[in-house]
Amino acid sequence: MKTVAKIDPKIYDAYVGQYEYAPGATDTVTREGDRLMVQATGQAKEELFPESETTYFGKGQNWRMIFVKDEQGRVTAVRFRQHEQDLVGKKIK
């Protein structure tokens, strides 16, 4: 299994929101206590585990979610990386 980084859960608040890849295809990121969760359209909710402050993975999954920040440090998008391909979801909420 990949190594889970030690991250201050307070930073999760910046990642909470909805990320749209295409009309009708979104990931909803939520915080549940000290856990960061993601739910893709039509999928079950699952926990995200930190690999670094901005890169997360799902247990037993071969994908990564990389949160993208602008120059002011605000999260504006997420890159869903799988099989060396990126899908970019723009933060809409």
PDB file of N, CA and C in Angstrom:
ATOM      1  N   MET A   1       0.842  -1.198   0.000  1.00  0.00           N
ATOM      2  CA  MET A   1       0.000   0.000   0.000  1.00  0.00           C
ATOM      3  C   MET A   1       0.880   1.252   0.000  1.00  0.00           C
ATOM      4  N   LYS A   2       0.368   2.300  -0.574  1.00  0.00           N
ATOM      5  CA  LYS A   2       1.080   3.581  -0.612  1.00  0.00           C
ATOM      6  C   LYS A   2       1.194   4.133   0.808  1.00  0.00           C
ATOM      7  N   THR A   3       2.198   4.953   1.017  1.00  0.00           N
ATOM      8  CA  THR A   3       2.409   5.558   2.320  1.00  0.00           C
ATOM      9  C   THR A   3       1.461   6.734   2.510  1.00  0.00           C
ATOM     10  N   VAL A   4       0.792   6.753   3.647  1.00  0.00           N
ATOM     11  CA  VAL A   4      -0.110   7.852   3.984  1.00  0.00           C
ATOM     12  C   VAL A   4       0.702   8.919   4.706  1.00  0.00           C
ATOM     13  N   ALA A   5       0.687  10.127   4.150  1.00  0.00           N
ATOM     14  CA  ALA A   5       1.427  11.247   4.746  1.00  0.00           C
ATOM     15  C   ALA A   5       0.679  11.778   5.965  1.00  0.00           C
ATOM     16  N   LYS A   6       1.417  12.368   6.879  1.00  0.00           N
ATOM     17  CA  LYS A   6       0.806  13.021   8.044  1.00  0.00           C
ATOM     18  C   LYS A   6       0.484  14.460   7.641  1.00  0.00           C
ATOM     19  N   ILE A   7      -0.798  14.776   7.585  1.00  0.00           N
ATOM     20  CA  ILE A   7      -1.280  16.079   7.133  1.00  0.00           C
ATOM     21  C   ILE A   7      -2.194  16.653   8.206  1.00  0.00           C
ATOM     22  N   ASP A   8      -2.133  17.961   8.398  1.00  0.00           N
ATOM     23  CA  ASP A   8      -3.057  18.621   9.318  1.00  0.00           C
ATOM     24  C   ASP A   8      -4.434  18.630   8.656  1.00  0.00           C
ATOM     25  N   PRO A   9      -5.418  17.955   9.250  1.00  0.00           N
ATOM     26  CA  PRO A   9      -6.750  17.886   8.635  1.00  0.00           C
ATOM     27  C   PRO A   9      -7.404  19.246   8.392  1.00  0.00           C
ATOM     28  N   LYS A  10      -6.900  20.310   9.041  1.00  0.00           N
ATOM     29  CA  LYS A  10      -7.480  21.643   8.817  1.00  0.00           C
ATOM     30  C   LYS A  10      -7.376  22.060   7.353  1.00  0.00           C
ATOM     31  N   ILE A  11      -6.356  21.573   6.636  1.00  0.00           N
ATOM     32  CA  ILE A  11      -6.214  21.980   5.232  1.00  0.00           C
ATOM     33  C   ILE A  11      -7.301  21.372   4.353  1.00  0.00           C
ATOM     34  N   TYR A  12      -7.982  20.333   4.856  1.00  0.00           N
ATOM     35  CA  TYR A  12      -9.040  19.702   4.059  1.00  0.00           C
ATOM     36  C   TYR A  12     -10.159  20.685   3.719  1.00  0.00           C
ATOM     37  N   ASP A  13     -10.389  21.656   4.597  1.00  0.00           N
ATOM     38  CA  ASP A  13     -11.475  22.615   4.357  1.00  0.00           C
ATOM     39  C   ASP A  13     -11.326  23.310   3.007  1.00  0.00           C
ATOM     40  N   ALA A  14     -10.102  23.578   2.592  1.00  0.00           N
ATOM     41  CA  ALA A  14      -9.868  24.261   1.316  1.00  0.00           C
ATOM     42  C   ALA A  14     -10.265  23.393   0.124  1.00  0.00           C
ATOM     43  N   TYR A  15     -10.278  22.067   0.314  1.00  0.00           N
ATOM     44  CA  TYR A  15     -10.558  21.142  -0.791  1.00  0.00           C
ATOM     45  C   TYR A  15     -12.042  20.808  -0.916  1.00  0.00           C
ATOM     46  N   VAL A  16     -12.813  21.104   0.131  1.00  0.00           N
ATOM     47  CA  VAL A  16     -14.244  20.779   0.120  1.00  0.00           C
ATOM     48  C   VAL A  16     -14.946  21.552  -0.985  1.00  0.00           C
ATOM     49  N   GLY A  17     -15.777  20.851  -1.756  1.00  0.00           N
ATOM     50  CA  GLY A  17     -16.539  21.499  -2.812  1.00  0.00           C
ATOM     51  C   GLY A  17     -16.874  20.523  -3.918  1.00  0.00           C
ATOM     52  N   GLN A  18     -17.383  21.084  -5.017  1.00  0.00           N
ATOM     53  CA  GLN A  18     -17.731  20.277  -6.183  1.00  0.00           C
ATOM     54  C   GLN A  18     -16.793  20.618  -7.327  1.00  0.00           C
ATOM     55  N   TYR A  19     -16.351  19.579  -8.013  1.00  0.00           N
ATOM     56  CA  TYR A  19     -15.420  19.718  -9.128  1.00  0.00           C
ATOM     57  C   TYR A  19     -16.073  19.089 -10.355  1.00  0.00           C
ATOM     58  N   GLU A  20     -16.213  19.898 -11.418  1.00  0.00           N
ATOM     59  CA  GLU A  20     -16.917  19.432 -12.614  1.00  0.00           C
ATOM     60  C   GLU A  20     -15.929  19.117 -13.736  1.00  0.00           C
ATOM     61  N   TYR A  21     -15.983  17.876 -14.216  1.00  0.00           N
ATOM     62  CA  TYR A  21     -15.139  17.429 -15.333  1.00  0.00           C
ATOM     63  C   TYR A  21     -15.842  17.691 -16.669  1.00  0.00           C
ATOM     64  N   ALA A  22     -17.140  17.500 -16.659  1.00  0.00           N
ATOM     65  CA  ALA A  22     -17.998  17.714 -17.829  1.00  0.00           C
ATOM     66  C   ALA A  22     -19.414  17.854 -17.282  1.00  0.00           C
ATOM     67  N   PRO A  23     -20.344  18.415 -18.073  1.00  0.00           N
ATOM     68  CA  PRO A  23     -21.716  18.525 -17.564  1.00  0.00           C
ATOM     69  C   PRO A  23     -22.229  17.166 -17.075  1.00  0.00           C
ATOM     70  N   GLY A  24     -22.660  17.127 -15.807  1.00  0.00           N
ATOM     71  CA  GLY A  24     -23.181  15.891 -15.239  1.00  0.00           C
ATOM     72  C   GLY A  24     -22.121  14.960 -14.679  1.00  0.00           C
ATOM     73  N   ALA A  25     -20.851  15.309 -14.797  1.00  0.00           N
ATOM     74  CA  ALA A  25     -19.766  14.470 -14.256  1.00  0.00           C
ATOM     75  C   ALA A  25     -18.987  15.281 -13.235  1.00  0.00           C
ATOM     76  N   THR A  26     -19.313  15.061 -11.961  1.00  0.00           N
ATOM     77  CA  THR A  26     -18.667  15.830 -10.898  1.00  0.00           C
ATOM     78  C   THR A  26     -18.136  14.911  -9.803  1.00  0.00           C
ATOM     79  N   ASP A  27     -17.164  15.419  -9.078  1.00  0.00           N
ATOM     80  CA  ASP A  27     -16.706  14.821  -7.836  1.00  0.00           C
ATOM     81  C   ASP A  27     -17.101  15.793  -6.731  1.00  0.00           C
ATOM     82  N   THR A  28     -17.707  15.274  -5.681  1.00  0.00           N
ATOM     83  CA  THR A  28     -18.045  16.089  -4.518  1.00  0.00           C
ATOM     84  C   THR A  28     -17.099  15.693  -3.391  1.00  0.00           C
ATOM     85  N   VAL A  29     -16.326  16.663  -2.914  1.00  0.00           N
ATOM     86  CA  VAL A  29     -15.355  16.431  -1.848  1.00  0.00           C
ATOM     87  C   VAL A  29     -15.918  17.011  -0.557  1.00  0.00           C
ATOM     88  N   THR A  30     -15.921  16.196   0.498  1.00  0.00           N
ATOM     89  CA  THR A  30     -16.445  16.617   1.790  1.00  0.00           C
ATOM     90  C   THR A  30     -15.441  16.253   2.879  1.00  0.00           C
ATOM     91  N   ARG A  31     -15.596  16.912   4.011  1.00  0.00           N
ATOM     92  CA  ARG A  31     -14.774  16.586   5.178  1.00  0.00           C
ATOM     93  C   ARG A  31     -15.679  15.990   6.230  1.00  0.00           C
ATOM     94  N   GLU A  32     -15.269  14.858   6.774  1.00  0.00           N
ATOM     95  CA  GLU A  32     -16.003  14.212   7.861  1.00  0.00           C
ATOM     96  C   GLU A  32     -15.027  14.056   9.016  1.00  0.00           C
ATOM     97  N   GLY A  33     -15.036  15.014   9.916  1.00  0.00           N
ATOM     98  CA  GLY A  33     -14.078  15.011  11.016  1.00  0.00           C
ATOM     99  C   GLY A  33     -12.671  15.197  10.468  1.00  0.00           C
ATOM    100  N   ASP A  34     -11.798  14.223  10.732  1.00  0.00           N
ATOM    101  CA  ASP A  34     -10.427  14.290  10.246  1.00  0.00           C
ATOM    102  C   ASP A  34     -10.239  13.481   8.965  1.00  0.00           C
ATOM    103  N   ARG A  35     -11.331  13.188   8.272  1.00  0.00           N
ATOM    104  CA  ARG A  35     -11.259  12.396   7.041  1.00  0.00           C
ATOM    105  C   ARG A  35     -11.727  13.240   5.857  1.00  0.00           C
ATOM    106  N   LEU A  36     -11.072  13.056   4.714  1.00  0.00           N
ATOM    107  CA  LEU A  36     -11.466  13.711   3.474  1.00  0.00           C
ATOM    108  C   LEU A  36     -12.128  12.655   2.603  1.00  0.00           C
ATOM    109  N   MET A  37     -13.316  12.976   2.099  1.00  0.00           N
ATOM    110  CA  MET A  37     -14.102  12.011   1.335  1.00  0.00           C
ATOM    111  C   MET A  37     -14.364  12.551  -0.069  1.00  0.00           C
ATOM    112  N   VAL A  38     -14.578  11.629  -1.009  1.00  0.00           N
ATOM    113  CA  VAL A  38     -14.964  12.024  -2.359  1.00  0.00           C
ATOM    114  C   VAL A  38     -16.090  11.115  -2.824  1.00  0.00           C
ATOM    115  N   GLN A  39     -17.017  11.720  -3.562  1.00  0.00           N
ATOM    116  CA  GLN A  39     -18.097  10.943  -4.168  1.00  0.00           C
ATOM    117  C   GLN A  39     -18.251  11.416  -5.602  1.00  0.00           C
ATOM    118  N   ALA A  40     -17.959  10.519  -6.534  1.00  0.00           N
ATOM    119  CA  ALA A  40     -18.130  10.821  -7.953  1.00  0.00           C
ATOM    120  C   ALA A  40     -19.591  10.590  -8.317  1.00  0.00           C
ATOM    121  N   THR A  41     -20.055  11.255  -9.366  1.00  0.00           N
ATOM    122  CA  THR A  41     -21.430  11.093  -9.835  1.00  0.00           C
ATOM    123  C   THR A  41     -21.728   9.604 -10.021  1.00  0.00           C
ATOM    124  N   GLY A  42     -22.776   9.123  -9.355  1.00  0.00           N
ATOM    125  CA  GLY A  42     -23.207   7.739  -9.516  1.00  0.00           C
ATOM    126  C   GLY A  42     -22.349   6.704  -8.800  1.00  0.00           C
ATOM    127  N   GLN A  43     -21.404   7.146  -7.983  1.00  0.00           N
ATOM    128  CA  GLN A  43     -20.508   6.220  -7.283  1.00  0.00           C
ATOM    129  C   GLN A  43     -20.710   6.320  -5.775  1.00  0.00           C
ATOM    130  N   ALA A  44     -20.176   5.336  -5.067  1.00  0.00           N
ATOM    131  CA  ALA A  44     -20.216   5.365  -3.608  1.00  0.00           C
ATOM    132  C   ALA A  44     -19.161   6.343  -3.095  1.00  0.00           C
ATOM    133  N   LYS A  45     -19.413   6.895  -1.921  1.00  0.00           N
ATOM    134  CA  LYS A  45     -18.457   7.805  -1.292  1.00  0.00           C
ATOM    135  C   LYS A  45     -17.271   6.982  -0.799  1.00  0.00           C
ATOM    136  N   GLU A  46     -16.054   7.531  -0.945  1.00  0.00           N
ATOM    137  CA  GLU A  46     -14.880   6.846  -0.421  1.00  0.00           C
ATOM    138  C   GLU A  46     -13.901   7.831   0.178  1.00  0.00           C
ATOM    139  N   GLU A  47     -13.058   7.307   1.066  1.00  0.00           N
ATOM    140  CA  GLU A  47     -12.093   8.157   1.754  1.00  0.00           C
ATOM    141  C   GLU A  47     -10.883   8.413   0.875  1.00  0.00           C
ATOM    142  N   LEU A  48     -10.382   9.648   0.959  1.00  0.00           N
ATOM    143  CA  LEU A  48      -9.135  10.022   0.288  1.00  0.00           C
ATOM    144  C   LEU A  48      -8.017  10.000   1.324  1.00  0.00           C
ATOM    145  N   PHE A  49      -6.868   9.462   0.931  1.00  0.00           N
ATOM    146  CA  PHE A  49      -5.714   9.386   1.823  1.00  0.00           C
ATOM    147  C   PHE A  49      -4.607  10.268   1.275  1.00  0.00           C
ATOM    148  N   PRO A  50      -3.975  11.084   2.133  1.00  0.00           N
ATOM    149  CA  PRO A  50      -2.950  12.008   1.647  1.00  0.00           C
ATOM    150  C   PRO A  50      -1.625  11.308   1.331  1.00  0.00           C
ATOM    151  N   GLU A  51      -1.105  11.629   0.157  1.00  0.00           N
ATOM    152  CA  GLU A  51       0.251  11.222  -0.207  1.00  0.00           C
ATOM    153  C   GLU A  51       1.177  12.419   0.031  1.00  0.00           C
ATOM    154  N   SER A  52       0.595  13.623  -0.141  1.00  0.00           N
ATOM    155  CA  SER A  52       1.253  14.881   0.183  1.00  0.00           C
ATOM    156  C   SER A  52       0.125  15.857   0.512  1.00  0.00           C
ATOM    157  N   GLU A  53       0.454  17.136   0.719  1.00  0.00           N
ATOM    158  CA  GLU A  53      -0.609  18.102   1.057  1.00  0.00           C
ATOM    159  C   GLU A  53      -1.613  18.273  -0.073  1.00  0.00           C
ATOM    160  N   THR A  54      -1.208  18.066  -1.314  1.00  0.00           N
ATOM    161  CA  THR A  54      -2.113  18.298  -2.439  1.00  0.00           C
ATOM    162  C   THR A  54      -2.469  17.039  -3.223  1.00  0.00           C
ATOM    163  N   THR A  55      -1.823  15.909  -2.963  1.00  0.00           N
ATOM    164  CA  THR A  55      -2.067  14.675  -3.720  1.00  0.00           C
ATOM    165  C   THR A  55      -2.669  13.606  -2.815  1.00  0.00           C
ATOM    166  N   TYR A  56      -3.772  13.012  -3.285  1.00  0.00           N
ATOM    167  CA  TYR A  56      -4.529  12.036  -2.498  1.00  0.00           C
ATOM    168  C   TYR A  56      -4.829  10.806  -3.342  1.00  0.00           C
ATOM    169  N   PHE A  57      -5.064   9.683  -2.664  1.00  0.00           N
ATOM    170  CA  PHE A  57      -5.396   8.443  -3.362  1.00  0.00           C
ATOM    171  C   PHE A  57      -6.496   7.713  -2.608  1.00  0.00           C
ATOM    172  N   GLY A  58      -7.134   6.765  -3.300  1.00  0.00           N
ATOM    173  CA  GLY A  58      -8.138   5.912  -2.683  1.00  0.00           C
ATOM    174  C   GLY A  58      -7.510   4.567  -2.365  1.00  0.00           C
ATOM    175  N   LYS A  59      -7.917   3.949  -1.286  1.00  0.00           N
ATOM    176  CA  LYS A  59      -7.368   2.654  -0.889  1.00  0.00           C
ATOM    177  C   LYS A  59      -7.624   1.615  -1.978  1.00  0.00           C
ATOM    178  N   GLY A  60      -6.543   0.938  -2.389  1.00  0.00           N
ATOM    179  CA  GLY A  60      -6.684  -0.114  -3.393  1.00  0.00           C
ATOM    180  C   GLY A  60      -6.958   0.415  -4.790  1.00  0.00           C
ATOM    181  N   GLN A  61      -6.800   1.712  -5.013  1.00  0.00           N
ATOM    182  CA  GLN A  61      -7.081   2.333  -6.309  1.00  0.00           C
ATOM    183  C   GLN A  61      -5.771   2.731  -6.980  1.00  0.00           C
ATOM    184  N   ASN A  62      -5.800   2.820  -8.305  1.00  0.00           N
ATOM    185  CA  ASN A  62      -4.584   3.215  -9.024  1.00  0.00           C
ATOM    186  C   ASN A  62      -4.684   4.637  -9.562  1.00  0.00           C
ATOM    187  N   TRP A  63      -5.497   5.455  -8.936  1.00  0.00           N
ATOM    188  CA  TRP A  63      -5.628   6.856  -9.352  1.00  0.00           C
ATOM    189  C   TRP A  63      -5.151   7.784  -8.247  1.00  0.00           C
ATOM    190  N   ARG A  64      -4.962   9.039  -8.643  1.00  0.00           N
ATOM    191  CA  ARG A  64      -4.600  10.109  -7.710  1.00  0.00           C
ATOM    192  C   ARG A  64      -5.521  11.296  -7.974  1.00  0.00           C
ATOM    193  N   MET A  65      -5.787  12.041  -6.933  1.00  0.00           N
ATOM    194  CA  MET A  65      -6.464  13.331  -7.069  1.00  0.00           C
ATOM    195  C   MET A  65      -5.461  14.376  -6.614  1.00  0.00           C
ATOM    196  N   ILE A  66      -5.160  15.329  -7.491  1.00  0.00           N
ATOM    197  CA  ILE A  66      -4.179  16.371  -7.196  1.00  0.00           C
ATOM    198  C   ILE A  66      -4.908  17.704  -7.202  1.00  0.00           C
ATOM    199  N   PHE A  67      -4.960  18.351  -6.048  1.00  0.00           N
ATOM    200  CA  PHE A  67      -5.656  19.626  -5.938  1.00  0.00           C
ATOM    201  C   PHE A  67      -4.758  20.737  -6.456  1.00  0.00           C
ATOM    202  N   VAL A  68      -5.335  21.607  -7.290  1.00  0.00           N
ATOM    203  CA  VAL A  68      -4.598  22.684  -7.967  1.00  0.00           C
ATOM    204  C   VAL A  68      -4.972  24.013  -7.330  1.00  0.00           C
ATOM    205  N   LYS A  69      -3.942  24.807  -6.985  1.00  0.00           N
ATOM    206  CA  LYS A  69      -4.166  26.121  -6.367  1.00  0.00           C
ATOM    207  C   LYS A  69      -3.719  27.228  -7.311  1.00  0.00           C
ATOM    208  N   ASP A  70      -4.369  28.401  -7.174  1.00  0.00           N
ATOM    209  CA  ASP A  70      -3.955  29.571  -7.954  1.00  0.00           C
ATOM    210  C   ASP A  70      -2.854  30.319  -7.196  1.00  0.00           C
ATOM    211  N   GLU A  71      -2.446  31.457  -7.725  1.00  0.00           N
ATOM    212  CA  GLU A  71      -1.357  32.230  -7.126  1.00  0.00           C
ATOM    213  C   GLU A  71      -1.684  32.702  -5.713  1.00  0.00           C
ATOM    214  N   GLN A  72      -2.966  32.866  -5.401  1.00  0.00           N
ATOM    215  CA  GLN A  72      -3.380  33.309  -4.064  1.00  0.00           C
ATOM    216  C   GLN A  72      -3.538  32.130  -3.098  1.00  0.00           C
ATOM    217  N   GLY A  73      -3.294  30.913  -3.578  1.00  0.00           N
ATOM    218  CA  GLY A  73      -3.408  29.744  -2.719  1.00  0.00           C
ATOM    219  C   GLY A  73      -4.799  29.156  -2.635  1.00  0.00           C
ATOM    220  N   ARG A  74      -5.729  29.672  -3.461  1.00  0.00           N
ATOM    221  CA  ARG A  74      -7.092  29.131  -3.466  1.00  0.00           C
ATOM    222  C   ARG A  74      -7.153  27.903  -4.373  1.00  0.00           C
ATOM    223  N   VAL A  75      -7.895  26.891  -3.933  1.00  0.00           N
ATOM    224  CA  VAL A  75      -8.065  25.681  -4.743  1.00  0.00           C
ATOM    225  C   VAL A  75      -9.053  25.997  -5.866  1.00  0.00           C
ATOM    226  N   THR A  76      -8.628  25.787  -7.107  1.00  0.00           N
ATOM    227  CA  THR A  76      -9.455  26.131  -8.268  1.00  0.00           C
ATOM    228  C   THR A  76      -9.868  24.917  -9.088  1.00  0.00           C
ATOM    229  N   ALA A  77      -9.172  23.795  -8.894  1.00  0.00           N
ATOM    230  CA  ALA A  77      -9.455  22.616  -9.716  1.00  0.00           C
ATOM    231  C   ALA A  77      -8.838  21.385  -9.061  1.00  0.00           C
ATOM    232  N   VAL A  78      -9.173  20.240  -9.626  1.00  0.00           N
ATOM    233  CA  VAL A  78      -8.549  18.986  -9.221  1.00  0.00           C
ATOM    234  C   VAL A  78      -8.162  18.237 -10.485  1.00  0.00           C
ATOM    235  N   ARG A  79      -6.994  17.598 -10.449  1.00  0.00           N
ATOM    236  CA  ARG A  79      -6.562  16.725 -11.546  1.00  0.00           C
ATOM    237  C   ARG A  79      -6.786  15.289 -11.090  1.00  0.00           C
ATOM    238  N   PHE A  80      -7.578  14.568 -11.848  1.00  0.00           N
ATOM    239  CA  PHE A  80      -7.802  13.150 -11.576  1.00  0.00           C
ATOM    240  C   PHE A  80      -6.866  12.401 -12.509  1.00  0.00           C
ATOM    241  N   ARG A  81      -5.827  11.789 -11.947  1.00  0.00           N
ATOM    242  CA  ARG A  81      -4.779  11.142 -12.749  1.00  0.00           C
ATOM    243  C   ARG A  81      -4.915   9.624 -12.663  1.00  0.00           C
ATOM    244  N   GLN A  82      -5.092   9.003 -13.820  1.00  0.00           N
ATOM    245  CA  GLN A  82      -5.187   7.548 -13.885  1.00  0.00           C
ATOM    246  C   GLN A  82      -4.601   7.090 -15.213  1.00  0.00           C
ATOM    247  N   HIS A  83      -3.823   6.027 -15.178  1.00  0.00           N
ATOM    248  CA  HIS A  83      -3.181   5.493 -16.392  1.00  0.00           C
ATOM    249  C   HIS A  83      -2.413   6.585 -17.138  1.00  0.00           C
ATOM    250  N   GLU A  84      -1.709   7.431 -16.375  1.00  0.00           N
ATOM    251  CA  GLU A  84      -0.890   8.516 -16.918  1.00  0.00           C
ATOM    252  C   GLU A  84      -1.686   9.523 -17.759  1.00  0.00           C
ATOM    253  N   GLN A  85      -2.975   9.606 -17.497  1.00  0.00           N
ATOM    254  CA  GLN A  85      -3.823  10.610 -18.149  1.00  0.00           C
ATOM    255  C   GLN A  85      -4.482  11.439 -17.066  1.00  0.00           C
ATOM    256  N   ASP A  86      -4.646  12.733 -17.339  1.00  0.00           N
ATOM    257  CA  ASP A  86      -5.287  13.643 -16.389  1.00  0.00           C
ATOM    258  C   ASP A  86      -6.631  14.100 -16.907  1.00  0.00           C
ATOM    259  N   LEU A  87      -7.618  14.073 -16.043  1.00  0.00           N
ATOM    260  CA  LEU A  87      -8.889  14.744 -16.285  1.00  0.00           C
ATOM    261  C   LEU A  87      -8.901  15.903 -15.306  1.00  0.00           C
ATOM    262  N   VAL A  88      -9.265  17.089 -15.767  1.00  0.00           N
ATOM    263  CA  VAL A  88      -9.281  18.254 -14.887  1.00  0.00           C
ATOM    264  C   VAL A  88     -10.712  18.627 -14.573  1.00  0.00           C
ATOM    265  N   GLY A  89     -10.985  18.707 -13.283  1.00  0.00           N
ATOM    266  CA  GLY A  89     -12.298  19.129 -12.811  1.00  0.00           C
ATOM    267  C   GLY A  89     -12.184  20.530 -12.218  1.00  0.00           C
ATOM    268  N   LYS A  90     -12.959  21.450 -12.757  1.00  0.00           N
ATOM    269  CA  LYS A  90     -12.956  22.839 -12.281  1.00  0.00           C
ATOM    270  C   LYS A  90     -13.830  22.937 -11.038  1.00  0.00           C
ATOM    271  N   LYS A  91     -13.331  23.655 -10.017  1.00  0.00           N
ATOM    272  CA  LYS A  91     -14.112  23.824  -8.788  1.00  0.00           C
ATOM    273  C   LYS A  91     -15.272  24.758  -9.084  1.00  0.00           C
ATOM    274  N   ILE A  92     -16.509  24.259  -8.873  1.00  0.00           N
ATOM    275  CA  ILE A  92     -17.688  25.065  -9.202  1.00  0.00           C
ATOM    276  C   ILE A  92     -18.448  25.491  -7.938  1.00  0.00           C
ATOM    277  N   LYS A  93     -18.170  24.904  -6.787  1.00  0.00           N
ATOM    278  CA  LYS A  93     -18.828  25.289  -5.518  1.00  0.00           C
ATOM    279  C   LYS A  93     -17.828  25.199  -4.403  1.00  0.00           C
TER     280      LYS A  93
END
